[in-house]
Each structure stands twice: as C-alpha cells, then as structure tokens.
Amino acid sequence: MERNKQSIVFLDTHIAVWLYAGLIEKISDTAKQAIEDNDVMISPLVRLELQYLFEIGRVTVKPDTIVKNLFAAIGLRVSETPLQQIIEEAMKINWTRDVFDRMLSAETMVTGGGFITADKNIKSNLKLAIW
C-alpha cells in the first residue's frame, strides 16, 4: 500500500522495542496498518527513554542500534519538533505524572500526528492514540 506522505504516526517507546525485537504479534492490526500507511517517527525523547531502559537493564540494546534498525526496516525518522513547543503543550496535560508519557503525548498533540501505543492510560486520554 502506498504511504500517505502527508500523515505521520509516532511510536511509543515500547512499540519501537517490539518492532525491533520482531514481536509484531503484540501490535494491533490497526496499529500495523497505521505504520504501513504513514510516515513513522519517534520523538528524541524515545531515544532518551530507551537509553534509560538500557541503563537499568530493561532492554539489552543501545538506542541508536534500535533506531538505525527501524530506519532501515520501516523508514523510521526522529522528529525535530522544538522542545519548547512540546513543553508548552505538556504543561497542559494533567492525566499522567509519567514525564515520558506526558512529553510524548504532548509532541503528538503539537504535530497533530497519531501516537501508536498500547498504554491504557494514554489510550484513554489522548485522542490521537492509535491501537
């Protein structure tokens, strides 16, 4: 299927990990279709969260390995949304205290893209969530 180059979707951190690990069965059909039909991005904050997860042993691969692999596999790009815009939007979010969830959701809101996530709290509160 040809991609709609005017639409973007962002991946939540766990989705990037699942794609890298080949755990495609964990991803909903709707989310898979969104990946097929749109330009796929991650926030630089996903790279930071991946580094954190690497440091505490929750993932065993460095962030840049994951990002490079997904660039080759699905054309993943890293967003360049200005941090100040993300912070301004994040300050309006009051449904989570998780800094990463707050910032990733805010970046999606700033860009108007979709946000692929299996996170129940995000899905319940972010209109742009895709699952």
Protein backbone atom coordinates (compact mmCIF):
# COMPACT_ATOMS: atom_id res chain seq x y z
CA MET A 1 0.00 0.00 0.00
CA GLU A 2 1.34 3.43 -0.89
CA ARG A 3 2.14 5.67 2.06
CA ASN A 4 0.32 8.92 2.57
CA LYS A 5 3.33 11.24 2.86
CA GLN A 6 1.24 13.95 4.49
CA SER A 7 0.45 11.88 7.58
CA ILE A 8 2.74 10.84 10.40
CA VAL A 9 2.49 8.50 13.32
CA PHE A 10 4.74 8.46 16.34
CA LEU A 11 5.76 5.26 18.09
CA ASP A 12 5.64 4.91 21.84
CA THR A 13 8.86 3.51 23.28
CA HIS A 14 7.52 0.00 23.84
CA ILE A 15 6.27 -0.16 20.26
CA ALA A 16 9.74 0.68 18.94
CA VAL A 17 11.19 -2.09 21.15
CA TRP A 18 8.58 -4.61 19.97
CA LEU A 19 9.21 -3.77 16.32
CA TYR A 20 12.96 -4.06 16.78
CA ALA A 21 12.56 -7.41 18.57
CA GLY A 22 10.23 -8.72 15.85
CA LEU A 23 7.31 -9.02 18.26
CA ILE A 24 4.85 -7.91 15.62
CA GLU A 25 2.14 -10.16 17.07
CA LYS A 26 1.98 -7.86 20.11
CA ILE A 27 0.89 -4.97 17.89
CA SER A 28 -2.77 -4.48 16.97
CA ASP A 29 -3.90 -4.72 13.36
CA THR A 30 -4.98 -1.07 13.49
CA ALA A 31 -1.52 -0.02 14.65
CA LYS A 32 0.17 -2.16 11.99
CA GLN A 33 -1.97 -0.53 9.32
CA ALA A 34 -1.10 2.94 10.63
CA ILE A 35 2.60 2.05 10.35
CA GLU A 36 2.05 0.85 6.78
CA ASP A 37 0.04 3.90 5.71
CA ASN A 38 2.02 6.76 7.27
CA ASP A 39 5.46 8.18 7.79
CA VAL A 40 6.73 6.72 11.06
CA MET A 41 8.57 8.82 13.61
CA ILE A 42 9.84 8.75 17.14
CA SER A 43 10.47 11.63 19.43
CA PRO A 44 14.06 12.19 20.56
CA LEU A 45 12.54 11.54 23.97
CA VAL A 46 12.02 7.91 22.93
CA ARG A 47 15.76 7.70 22.37
CA LEU A 48 16.29 9.09 25.87
CA GLU A 49 13.81 6.63 27.39
CA LEU A 50 15.49 3.76 25.52
CA GLN A 51 18.83 4.87 27.00
CA TYR A 52 17.29 4.88 30.47
CA LEU A 53 15.85 1.40 29.90
CA PHE A 54 19.24 0.21 28.63
CA GLU A 55 20.99 1.62 31.70
CA ILE A 56 18.64 -0.19 34.10
CA GLY A 57 18.79 -3.42 32.11
CA ARG A 58 15.20 -3.46 30.81
CA VAL A 59 16.49 -3.51 27.22
CA THR A 60 19.79 -5.01 26.14
CA VAL A 61 20.40 -2.97 23.00
CA LYS A 62 21.56 0.63 22.81
CA PRO A 63 19.04 3.17 21.49
CA ASP A 64 20.95 4.03 18.32
CA THR A 65 21.02 0.36 17.29
CA ILE A 66 17.24 0.20 17.60
CA VAL A 67 16.74 3.47 15.72
CA LYS A 68 19.11 2.53 12.89
CA ASN A 69 17.47 -0.87 12.52
CA LEU A 70 13.98 0.65 12.36
CA PHE A 71 15.19 3.29 9.90
CA ALA A 72 16.28 0.51 7.57
CA ALA A 73 13.22 -1.66 8.21
CA ILE A 74 10.36 0.87 8.15
CA GLY A 75 11.90 4.25 7.29
CA LEU A 76 11.69 5.47 10.89
CA ARG A 77 12.74 9.08 11.40
CA VAL A 78 13.48 11.07 14.54
CA SER A 79 11.30 14.13 15.00
CA GLU A 80 12.75 17.61 15.17
CA THR A 81 9.80 19.25 16.91
CA PRO A 82 11.10 22.18 19.00
CA LEU A 83 11.38 21.22 22.67
CA GLN A 84 9.79 24.48 23.81
CA GLN A 85 6.61 23.68 21.88
CA ILE A 86 6.50 20.21 23.43
CA ILE A 87 6.97 21.58 26.94
CA GLU A 88 4.26 24.20 26.48
CA GLU A 89 1.80 21.50 25.45
CA ALA A 90 2.99 19.06 28.15
CA MET A 91 2.26 21.66 30.83
CA LYS A 92 -1.43 21.41 29.90
CA ILE A 93 -1.55 17.63 30.46
CA ASN A 94 -2.72 16.60 33.92
CA TRP A 95 -3.75 12.97 33.42
CA THR A 96 -0.29 11.46 33.95
CA ARG A 97 2.72 12.04 36.16
CA ASP A 98 4.99 9.94 33.93
CA VAL A 99 7.29 12.50 32.32
CA PHE A 100 7.95 10.41 29.22
CA ASP A 101 4.24 9.72 28.62
CA ARG A 102 3.47 13.39 29.13
CA MET A 103 6.15 14.64 26.75
CA LEU A 104 5.49 12.02 24.06
CA SER A 105 1.78 12.72 24.15
CA ALA A 106 2.46 16.47 24.00
CA GLU A 107 4.68 16.12 20.94
CA THR A 108 1.95 14.18 19.19
CA MET A 109 -0.52 16.93 20.04
CA VAL A 110 1.84 19.63 18.72
CA THR A 111 2.33 17.84 15.41
CA GLY A 112 -1.21 16.52 15.01
CA GLY A 113 0.11 13.06 14.15
CA GLY A 114 -1.10 9.79 15.55
CA PHE A 115 0.52 8.06 18.51
CA ILE A 116 0.82 4.28 18.42
CA THR A 117 0.70 2.90 21.93
CA ALA A 118 -0.67 0.01 23.94
CA ASP A 119 -0.57 2.10 27.14
CA LYS A 120 -4.07 2.07 28.65
CA ASN A 121 -3.78 5.48 30.32
CA ILE A 122 -2.59 7.16 27.14
CA LYS A 123 -5.26 5.42 25.06
CA SER A 124 -7.92 6.63 27.50
CA ASN A 125 -6.76 10.24 27.49
CA LEU A 126 -5.06 11.06 24.19
CA LYS A 127 -7.47 11.46 21.27
CA LEU A 128 -4.60 10.90 18.83
CA ALA A 129 -3.74 7.47 20.29
CA ILE A 130 -3.89 4.56 17.88
CA TRP A 131 -4.31 0.97 18.93
